[in-house]
Amino acid sequence: MQEILLAILAGLIVGFVFALVKLPIPAPPALPGIMGIVGIYLGYKLYEAVWPLIMK
């Protein structure tokens, strides 16, 4: 849980700094970009679940 809170805090700080210096936010602007990030995460989790079974 602490890791999640730190990630949110870091995101808030980075977002604030980017807005302060008038840069575009470093995040996907649309749903397909966000779903791409979700897909990467799910692929990583699938790897974690399947790799031990393959290595047996």
C-alpha atoms as a PDB file:
ATOM      1  CA  MET A   1       0.000   0.000   0.000  1.00  0.00           C
ATOM      2  CA  GLN A   2       2.876   2.337   0.789  1.00  0.00           C
ATOM      3  CA  GLU A   3       4.253   1.762  -2.718  1.00  0.00           C
ATOM      4  CA  ILE A   4       0.936   2.812  -4.255  1.00  0.00           C
ATOM      5  CA  LEU A   5       0.738   5.965  -2.147  1.00  0.00           C
ATOM      6  CA  LEU A   6       4.320   6.900  -3.045  1.00  0.00           C
ATOM      7  CA  ALA A   7       3.567   6.368  -6.748  1.00  0.00           C
ATOM      8  CA  ILE A   8       0.512   8.626  -6.515  1.00  0.00           C
ATOM      9  CA  LEU A   9       2.508  11.275  -4.653  1.00  0.00           C
ATOM     10  CA  ALA A  10       5.298  11.125  -7.240  1.00  0.00           C
ATOM     11  CA  GLY A  11       2.727  11.448 -10.032  1.00  0.00           C
ATOM     12  CA  LEU A  12       1.161  14.475  -8.372  1.00  0.00           C
ATOM     13  CA  ILE A  13       4.540  16.163  -7.986  1.00  0.00           C
ATOM     14  CA  VAL A  14       5.581  15.426 -11.576  1.00  0.00           C
ATOM     15  CA  GLY A  15       2.211  16.611 -12.896  1.00  0.00           C
ATOM     16  CA  PHE A  16       2.538  19.838 -10.906  1.00  0.00           C
ATOM     17  CA  VAL A  17       6.071  20.482 -12.170  1.00  0.00           C
ATOM     18  CA  PHE A  18       5.061  19.814 -15.780  1.00  0.00           C
ATOM     19  CA  ALA A  19       2.134  22.227 -15.449  1.00  0.00           C
ATOM     20  CA  LEU A  20       4.392  24.784 -13.787  1.00  0.00           C
ATOM     21  CA  VAL A  21       6.820  24.839 -16.724  1.00  0.00           C
ATOM     22  CA  LYS A  22       3.959  24.596 -19.252  1.00  0.00           C
ATOM     23  CA  LEU A  23       4.861  21.163 -20.657  1.00  0.00           C
ATOM     24  CA  PRO A  24       2.321  18.567 -21.781  1.00  0.00           C
ATOM     25  CA  ILE A  25       1.666  15.912 -19.186  1.00  0.00           C
ATOM     26  CA  PRO A  26       3.668  12.693 -19.647  1.00  0.00           C
ATOM     27  CA  ALA A  27       0.599  10.471 -19.857  1.00  0.00           C
ATOM     28  CA  PRO A  28      -1.471   9.004 -22.651  1.00  0.00           C
ATOM     29  CA  PRO A  29      -4.187  11.484 -23.614  1.00  0.00           C
ATOM     30  CA  ALA A  30      -6.767   8.914 -24.633  1.00  0.00           C
ATOM     31  CA  LEU A  31      -8.295   5.638 -23.560  1.00  0.00           C
ATOM     32  CA  PRO A  32      -6.272   3.509 -26.035  1.00  0.00           C
ATOM     33  CA  GLY A  33      -3.035   4.726 -24.463  1.00  0.00           C
ATOM     34  CA  ILE A  34      -4.278   3.966 -20.973  1.00  0.00           C
ATOM     35  CA  MET A  35      -5.464   0.522 -22.091  1.00  0.00           C
ATOM     36  CA  GLY A  36      -1.994  -0.081 -23.548  1.00  0.00           C
ATOM     37  CA  ILE A  37      -0.496   0.542 -20.118  1.00  0.00           C
ATOM     38  CA  VAL A  38      -3.047  -1.829 -18.567  1.00  0.00           C
ATOM     39  CA  GLY A  39      -2.130  -4.430 -21.199  1.00  0.00           C
ATOM     40  CA  ILE A  40       1.557  -4.151 -20.349  1.00  0.00           C
ATOM     41  CA  TYR A  41       0.764  -4.637 -16.670  1.00  0.00           C
ATOM     42  CA  LEU A  42      -1.453  -7.654 -17.367  1.00  0.00           C
ATOM     43  CA  GLY A  43       1.226  -9.170 -19.600  1.00  0.00           C
ATOM     44  CA  TYR A  44       3.754  -8.801 -16.792  1.00  0.00           C
ATOM     45  CA  LYS A  45       1.382 -10.451 -14.324  1.00  0.00           C
ATOM     46  CA  LEU A  46       0.723 -13.284 -16.797  1.00  0.00           C
ATOM     47  CA  TYR A  47       4.476 -13.823 -17.125  1.00  0.00           C
ATOM     48  CA  GLU A  48       4.820 -13.977 -13.324  1.00  0.00           C
ATOM     49  CA  ALA A  49       2.064 -16.597 -13.148  1.00  0.00           C
ATOM     50  CA  VAL A  50       3.147 -18.764 -16.092  1.00  0.00           C
ATOM     51  CA  TRP A  51       6.948 -18.688 -15.861  1.00  0.00           C
ATOM     52  CA  PRO A  52       7.187 -20.814 -12.666  1.00  0.00           C
ATOM     53  CA  LEU A  53       4.943 -23.436 -14.304  1.00  0.00           C
ATOM     54  CA  ILE A  54       7.158 -23.544 -17.395  1.00  0.00           C
ATOM     55  CA  MET A  55      10.325 -23.869 -15.323  1.00  0.00           C
ATOM     56  CA  LYS A  56       9.079 -26.946 -13.418  1.00  0.00           C
END
